[in-house]
N, C-alpha and C. Protein backbone atom coordinates (compact mmCIF):
# COMPACT_ATOMS: atom_id res chain seq x y z
N THR A 1 0.84 -1.18 0.00
CA THR A 1 0.00 0.00 0.00
C THR A 1 0.88 1.24 0.00
N ARG A 2 0.58 2.13 -0.89
CA ARG A 2 1.36 3.37 -1.01
C ARG A 2 0.62 4.51 -0.30
N ALA A 3 1.31 5.23 0.53
CA ALA A 3 0.71 6.34 1.26
C ALA A 3 0.82 7.64 0.47
N ASN A 4 -0.27 8.39 0.46
CA ASN A 4 -0.28 9.70 -0.19
C ASN A 4 -0.04 10.84 0.79
N ASP A 5 -0.57 10.67 2.01
CA ASP A 5 -0.48 11.74 2.99
C ASP A 5 -0.72 11.13 4.37
N PHE A 6 -0.37 11.86 5.41
CA PHE A 6 -0.64 11.39 6.76
C PHE A 6 -0.79 12.56 7.70
N VAL A 7 -1.46 12.31 8.83
CA VAL A 7 -1.55 13.27 9.92
C VAL A 7 -1.48 12.47 11.22
N ILE A 8 -1.04 13.15 12.28
CA ILE A 8 -1.03 12.54 13.61
C ILE A 8 -1.97 13.35 14.49
N VAL A 9 -2.88 12.64 15.15
CA VAL A 9 -3.82 13.25 16.08
C VAL A 9 -3.69 12.51 17.40
N ASP A 10 -3.21 13.22 18.41
CA ASP A 10 -3.00 12.63 19.73
C ASP A 10 -2.15 11.37 19.60
N GLU A 11 -2.70 10.21 19.85
CA GLU A 11 -1.92 8.97 19.83
C GLU A 11 -2.15 8.15 18.56
N LYS A 12 -2.79 8.75 17.53
CA LYS A 12 -3.09 8.01 16.31
C LYS A 12 -2.45 8.65 15.09
N LEU A 13 -1.95 7.81 14.22
CA LEU A 13 -1.43 8.24 12.92
C LEU A 13 -2.43 7.77 11.86
N TYR A 14 -2.90 8.72 11.04
CA TYR A 14 -3.83 8.43 9.95
C TYR A 14 -3.05 8.47 8.64
N LEU A 15 -2.98 7.33 7.97
CA LEU A 15 -2.21 7.18 6.74
C LEU A 15 -3.18 7.01 5.57
N LEU A 16 -3.23 8.01 4.69
CA LEU A 16 -4.13 7.98 3.53
C LEU A 16 -3.49 7.16 2.42
N CYS A 17 -4.17 6.10 2.01
CA CYS A 17 -3.65 5.19 0.98
C CYS A 17 -4.62 5.14 -0.19
N SER A 18 -4.35 5.94 -1.21
CA SER A 18 -5.28 6.04 -2.34
C SER A 18 -5.38 4.77 -3.16
N ASP A 19 -4.29 4.03 -3.28
CA ASP A 19 -4.34 2.84 -4.13
C ASP A 19 -5.25 1.75 -3.55
N SER A 20 -5.44 1.74 -2.22
CA SER A 20 -6.35 0.76 -1.61
C SER A 20 -7.65 1.41 -1.13
N TYR A 21 -7.82 2.71 -1.39
CA TYR A 21 -9.02 3.44 -0.97
C TYR A 21 -9.28 3.26 0.52
N THR A 22 -8.25 3.49 1.33
CA THR A 22 -8.37 3.35 2.77
C THR A 22 -7.59 4.43 3.50
N ILE A 23 -7.94 4.59 4.77
CA ILE A 23 -7.10 5.31 5.72
C ILE A 23 -6.69 4.26 6.74
N GLN A 24 -5.40 4.02 6.83
CA GLN A 24 -4.89 3.07 7.81
C GLN A 24 -4.60 3.86 9.09
N VAL A 25 -5.14 3.37 10.22
CA VAL A 25 -4.98 4.06 11.50
C VAL A 25 -4.01 3.26 12.37
N TYR A 26 -2.96 3.94 12.84
CA TYR A 26 -1.93 3.29 13.64
C TYR A 26 -1.83 3.94 15.01
N ASP A 27 -1.53 3.16 16.01
CA ASP A 27 -1.19 3.66 17.33
C ASP A 27 0.26 4.13 17.25
N VAL A 28 0.52 5.39 17.60
CA VAL A 28 1.88 5.92 17.44
C VAL A 28 2.86 5.34 18.45
N ASN A 29 2.37 4.80 19.55
CA ASN A 29 3.25 4.23 20.56
C ASN A 29 3.70 2.82 20.21
N THR A 30 2.79 2.03 19.64
CA THR A 30 3.11 0.63 19.33
C THR A 30 3.38 0.40 17.85
N LEU A 31 3.01 1.37 17.02
CA LEU A 31 3.09 1.27 15.56
C LEU A 31 2.26 0.11 15.01
N LYS A 32 1.22 -0.27 15.73
CA LYS A 32 0.32 -1.33 15.27
C LYS A 32 -0.89 -0.70 14.61
N ASN A 33 -1.35 -1.36 13.54
CA ASN A 33 -2.57 -0.93 12.87
C ASN A 33 -3.76 -1.23 13.78
N VAL A 34 -4.51 -0.18 14.14
CA VAL A 34 -5.65 -0.36 15.05
C VAL A 34 -6.99 -0.24 14.35
N ASN A 35 -7.00 0.24 13.12
CA ASN A 35 -8.26 0.38 12.38
C ASN A 35 -7.96 0.66 10.91
N THR A 36 -8.96 0.36 10.10
CA THR A 36 -8.92 0.70 8.68
C THR A 36 -10.24 1.36 8.31
N ILE A 37 -10.16 2.56 7.77
CA ILE A 37 -11.35 3.27 7.32
C ILE A 37 -11.46 3.07 5.82
N LYS A 38 -12.54 2.39 5.38
CA LYS A 38 -12.75 2.16 3.95
C LYS A 38 -13.37 3.40 3.32
N LEU A 39 -12.88 3.75 2.14
CA LEU A 39 -13.39 4.88 1.38
C LEU A 39 -14.06 4.37 0.11
N ASP A 40 -14.95 5.18 -0.45
CA ASP A 40 -15.54 4.82 -1.74
C ASP A 40 -14.44 4.67 -2.77
N GLU A 41 -14.56 3.69 -3.60
CA GLU A 41 -13.54 3.45 -4.63
C GLU A 41 -13.83 4.31 -5.85
N VAL A 42 -13.60 5.59 -5.68
CA VAL A 42 -13.86 6.56 -6.74
C VAL A 42 -12.79 7.65 -6.67
N GLY A 43 -12.28 8.03 -7.82
CA GLY A 43 -11.34 9.14 -7.87
C GLY A 43 -9.98 8.83 -7.27
N TYR A 44 -9.31 9.91 -6.86
CA TYR A 44 -7.96 9.81 -6.31
C TYR A 44 -7.85 10.70 -5.07
N TYR A 45 -7.88 10.08 -3.91
CA TYR A 45 -7.74 10.81 -2.65
C TYR A 45 -6.28 11.20 -2.48
N ASN A 46 -6.04 12.48 -2.22
CA ASN A 46 -4.65 12.92 -2.20
C ASN A 46 -4.22 13.68 -0.95
N SER A 47 -5.17 14.13 -0.13
CA SER A 47 -4.79 14.96 1.01
C SER A 47 -5.71 14.69 2.19
N ILE A 48 -5.13 14.70 3.38
CA ILE A 48 -5.88 14.52 4.61
C ILE A 48 -5.52 15.65 5.57
N LYS A 49 -6.52 16.29 6.12
CA LYS A 49 -6.34 17.37 7.10
C LYS A 49 -7.23 17.08 8.30
N ILE A 50 -6.91 17.68 9.43
CA ILE A 50 -7.69 17.53 10.65
C ILE A 50 -8.15 18.91 11.11
N SER A 51 -9.41 18.99 11.55
CA SER A 51 -9.94 20.27 12.03
C SER A 51 -9.17 20.72 13.27
N LYS A 52 -9.21 22.02 13.53
CA LYS A 52 -8.47 22.60 14.65
C LYS A 52 -8.86 21.97 15.99
N ASP A 53 -10.14 21.59 16.14
CA ASP A 53 -10.58 20.97 17.40
C ASP A 53 -10.33 19.46 17.44
N LYS A 54 -9.70 18.93 16.41
CA LYS A 54 -9.30 17.52 16.33
C LYS A 54 -10.48 16.54 16.35
N THR A 55 -11.62 16.97 15.84
CA THR A 55 -12.78 16.08 15.83
C THR A 55 -13.11 15.52 14.44
N THR A 56 -12.69 16.24 13.41
CA THR A 56 -13.09 15.88 12.05
C THR A 56 -11.89 15.85 11.11
N GLY A 57 -11.82 14.79 10.32
CA GLY A 57 -10.83 14.69 9.27
C GLY A 57 -11.45 15.09 7.94
N ILE A 58 -10.67 15.70 7.08
CA ILE A 58 -11.15 16.16 5.77
C ILE A 58 -10.24 15.59 4.70
N LEU A 59 -10.84 14.88 3.76
CA LEU A 59 -10.08 14.31 2.64
C LEU A 59 -10.42 15.06 1.37
N THR A 60 -9.40 15.32 0.56
CA THR A 60 -9.65 15.87 -0.77
C THR A 60 -9.47 14.76 -1.79
N ASN A 61 -10.20 14.89 -2.87
CA ASN A 61 -10.17 13.92 -3.95
C ASN A 61 -10.05 14.73 -5.23
N ILE A 62 -8.93 14.61 -5.92
CA ILE A 62 -8.65 15.52 -7.03
C ILE A 62 -9.39 15.17 -8.32
N THR A 63 -10.15 14.09 -8.33
CA THR A 63 -10.87 13.76 -9.56
C THR A 63 -12.37 13.51 -9.38
N SER A 64 -12.90 13.55 -8.16
CA SER A 64 -14.32 13.21 -7.98
C SER A 64 -15.20 14.37 -7.55
N LYS A 65 -14.65 15.57 -7.43
CA LYS A 65 -15.41 16.76 -7.06
C LYS A 65 -16.20 16.57 -5.76
N GLU A 66 -15.50 16.11 -4.73
CA GLU A 66 -16.12 16.00 -3.42
C GLU A 66 -15.07 16.06 -2.32
N LEU A 67 -15.53 16.45 -1.14
CA LEU A 67 -14.72 16.37 0.07
C LEU A 67 -15.36 15.29 0.93
N VAL A 68 -14.54 14.52 1.63
CA VAL A 68 -15.04 13.47 2.51
C VAL A 68 -14.65 13.83 3.93
N LEU A 69 -15.64 13.80 4.83
CA LEU A 69 -15.40 14.09 6.24
C LEU A 69 -15.48 12.80 7.04
N PHE A 70 -14.57 12.63 8.00
CA PHE A 70 -14.66 11.48 8.89
C PHE A 70 -14.49 11.92 10.33
N ASP A 71 -15.12 11.17 11.22
CA ASP A 71 -15.07 11.44 12.65
C ASP A 71 -13.80 10.83 13.23
N VAL A 72 -13.00 11.65 13.88
CA VAL A 72 -11.72 11.18 14.41
C VAL A 72 -11.92 10.22 15.59
N LYS A 73 -12.93 10.46 16.40
CA LYS A 73 -13.16 9.60 17.58
C LYS A 73 -13.60 8.19 17.17
N SER A 74 -14.55 8.10 16.23
CA SER A 74 -15.09 6.79 15.84
C SER A 74 -14.38 6.19 14.63
N ASP A 75 -13.54 6.99 13.94
CA ASP A 75 -12.86 6.54 12.73
C ASP A 75 -13.86 6.06 11.67
N LYS A 76 -14.92 6.84 11.46
CA LYS A 76 -15.93 6.50 10.46
C LYS A 76 -16.21 7.70 9.56
N VAL A 77 -16.45 7.42 8.28
CA VAL A 77 -16.86 8.47 7.35
C VAL A 77 -18.23 8.97 7.79
N ILE A 78 -18.36 10.30 7.90
CA ILE A 78 -19.63 10.87 8.35
C ILE A 78 -20.36 11.65 7.27
N GLN A 79 -19.64 12.13 6.26
CA GLN A 79 -20.32 12.92 5.23
C GLN A 79 -19.45 13.05 3.99
N LYS A 80 -20.14 13.14 2.84
CA LYS A 80 -19.48 13.46 1.58
C LYS A 80 -20.09 14.76 1.08
N LEU A 81 -19.25 15.73 0.81
CA LEU A 81 -19.71 17.04 0.38
C LEU A 81 -19.39 17.26 -1.09
N PRO A 82 -20.40 17.35 -1.93
CA PRO A 82 -20.13 17.64 -3.34
C PRO A 82 -19.64 19.08 -3.50
N VAL A 83 -18.68 19.27 -4.36
CA VAL A 83 -18.17 20.60 -4.69
C VAL A 83 -18.17 20.74 -6.21
N SER A 84 -18.11 21.98 -6.69
CA SER A 84 -18.23 22.21 -8.13
C SER A 84 -16.93 22.04 -8.91
N VAL A 85 -15.82 21.91 -8.19
CA VAL A 85 -14.51 21.74 -8.84
C VAL A 85 -13.73 20.64 -8.14
N ASN A 86 -12.73 20.11 -8.80
CA ASN A 86 -11.83 19.17 -8.15
C ASN A 86 -10.96 19.93 -7.15
N VAL A 87 -10.84 19.39 -5.94
CA VAL A 87 -10.10 20.07 -4.88
C VAL A 87 -8.81 19.31 -4.62
N HIS A 88 -7.71 20.01 -4.74
CA HIS A 88 -6.40 19.39 -4.52
C HIS A 88 -5.98 19.45 -3.06
N ASN A 89 -6.36 20.51 -2.35
CA ASN A 89 -5.93 20.70 -0.98
C ASN A 89 -6.88 21.67 -0.29
N VAL A 90 -6.91 21.63 1.04
CA VAL A 90 -7.68 22.58 1.81
C VAL A 90 -6.78 23.17 2.88
N VAL A 91 -7.11 24.38 3.31
CA VAL A 91 -6.40 25.04 4.39
C VAL A 91 -7.43 25.34 5.46
N ILE A 92 -7.15 24.91 6.68
CA ILE A 92 -8.06 25.13 7.79
C ILE A 92 -7.59 26.36 8.54
N THR A 93 -8.49 27.34 8.71
CA THR A 93 -8.15 28.57 9.40
C THR A 93 -9.10 28.78 10.58
N GLY A 94 -8.84 29.77 11.38
CA GLY A 94 -9.72 30.08 12.51
C GLY A 94 -9.16 29.56 13.81
N LYS A 95 -10.04 29.52 14.81
CA LYS A 95 -9.61 29.15 16.16
C LYS A 95 -9.31 27.72 16.29
């Protein structure tokens, strides 16, 4: 599995793997895989960001014109947001 991007939130590492349409979740202390978040097999997921309050993950998909949101606590996809253009990256601002 090839990783496209990653983020660390508290004790978890989220590894975005576009070729397998998954986010592999690892415990940073043991380096063991603790969960796998399955994504729709559409487009090319290229970027993962975490909200400032560390509750929501945001995935960009450069070919499917949508953003995917997942809950950091439950490690589950919670929403897909259609957008009018392909999004390569997002920047989170604010508090």
